[in-house]
């Protein structure tokens, strides 16, 4: 099964080797037929602390790195 890849924006880089990435998805509401934007935050592993707040990044599923990290940053 292929690993999922998501695209988002880094919202926090405070922790060592970790970035928080906000991923936004758009979909049409089933009843109202209105386009809705929903966002979700993912914590991703950033080995060399290379990404800063505001950077657009791609994250990929991986084996658990810690209690909250299940994603890793793929090269921009």
Protein backbone atom coordinates (compact mmCIF):
# COMPACT_ATOMS: atom_id res chain seq x y z
CA UNK A 1 0.00 0.00 0.00
CA UNK A 2 1.51 3.37 -1.00
CA UNK A 3 2.28 5.98 1.63
CA UNK A 4 0.10 9.07 1.68
CA UNK A 5 1.69 12.40 0.79
CA UNK A 6 0.11 15.68 1.91
CA UNK A 7 1.05 19.29 1.24
CA UNK A 8 0.82 22.01 3.85
CA UNK A 9 2.41 25.01 5.54
CA UNK A 10 4.75 24.89 8.55
CA UNK A 11 3.05 26.63 11.49
CA UNK A 12 5.59 25.84 14.23
CA UNK A 13 9.25 24.82 14.42
CA UNK A 14 9.83 25.24 18.16
CA UNK A 15 10.69 21.62 18.98
CA UNK A 16 13.92 19.86 18.03
CA UNK A 17 13.61 17.79 14.83
CA UNK A 18 9.86 18.43 14.68
CA UNK A 19 7.65 20.77 12.69
CA UNK A 20 3.91 21.27 12.92
CA UNK A 21 2.31 21.31 9.48
CA UNK A 22 -1.19 22.64 8.80
CA UNK A 23 -2.84 20.81 5.89
CA UNK A 24 -5.97 22.32 4.34
CA UNK A 25 -8.52 20.32 2.39
CA UNK A 26 -11.44 21.63 0.37
CA UNK A 27 -14.62 19.74 -0.31
CA UNK A 28 -18.23 20.37 -1.25
CA UNK A 29 -20.76 20.06 1.56
CA UNK A 30 -23.11 17.17 0.74
CA UNK A 31 -26.32 19.07 1.57
CA UNK A 32 -25.48 22.76 1.20
CA UNK A 33 -23.34 22.29 -1.96
CA UNK A 34 -21.01 24.93 -0.59
CA UNK A 35 -17.21 24.65 -0.75
CA UNK A 36 -15.81 24.19 2.75
CA UNK A 37 -12.20 24.57 3.91
CA UNK A 38 -11.05 22.38 6.78
CA UNK A 39 -7.54 22.24 8.17
CA UNK A 40 -5.75 19.73 10.33
CA UNK A 41 -2.36 19.90 12.01
CA UNK A 42 0.20 17.12 11.73
CA UNK A 43 3.49 16.80 13.59
CA UNK A 44 6.27 15.75 11.23
CA UNK A 45 9.87 14.68 11.67
CA UNK A 46 12.45 17.19 10.34
CA UNK A 47 15.87 15.58 10.86
CA UNK A 48 18.08 18.67 10.33
CA UNK A 49 15.71 21.44 11.46
CA UNK A 50 15.81 22.89 7.94
CA UNK A 51 12.21 24.13 7.64
CA UNK A 52 10.92 27.35 9.19
CA UNK A 53 7.48 28.86 9.85
CA UNK A 54 5.70 29.75 6.61
CA UNK A 55 7.51 27.21 4.42
CA UNK A 56 5.38 25.09 2.11
CA UNK A 57 6.29 21.43 2.60
CA UNK A 58 5.20 17.92 1.65
CA UNK A 59 4.86 15.29 4.37
CA UNK A 60 4.75 11.52 3.99
CA UNK A 61 3.46 8.77 6.24
CA UNK A 62 6.07 6.78 8.13
CA UNK A 63 6.46 4.41 11.06
CA UNK A 64 5.91 6.10 14.45
CA UNK A 65 8.90 8.24 15.45
CA UNK A 66 7.44 9.29 18.83
CA UNK A 67 4.13 9.47 20.68
CA UNK A 68 2.70 12.10 18.31
CA UNK A 69 4.87 11.89 15.17
CA UNK A 70 3.66 9.61 12.37
CA UNK A 71 4.82 11.75 9.41
CA UNK A 72 8.14 12.91 8.00
CA UNK A 73 8.98 15.90 5.83
CA UNK A 74 9.85 15.11 2.21
CA UNK A 75 12.10 17.51 0.32
CA UNK A 76 10.25 20.66 -0.78
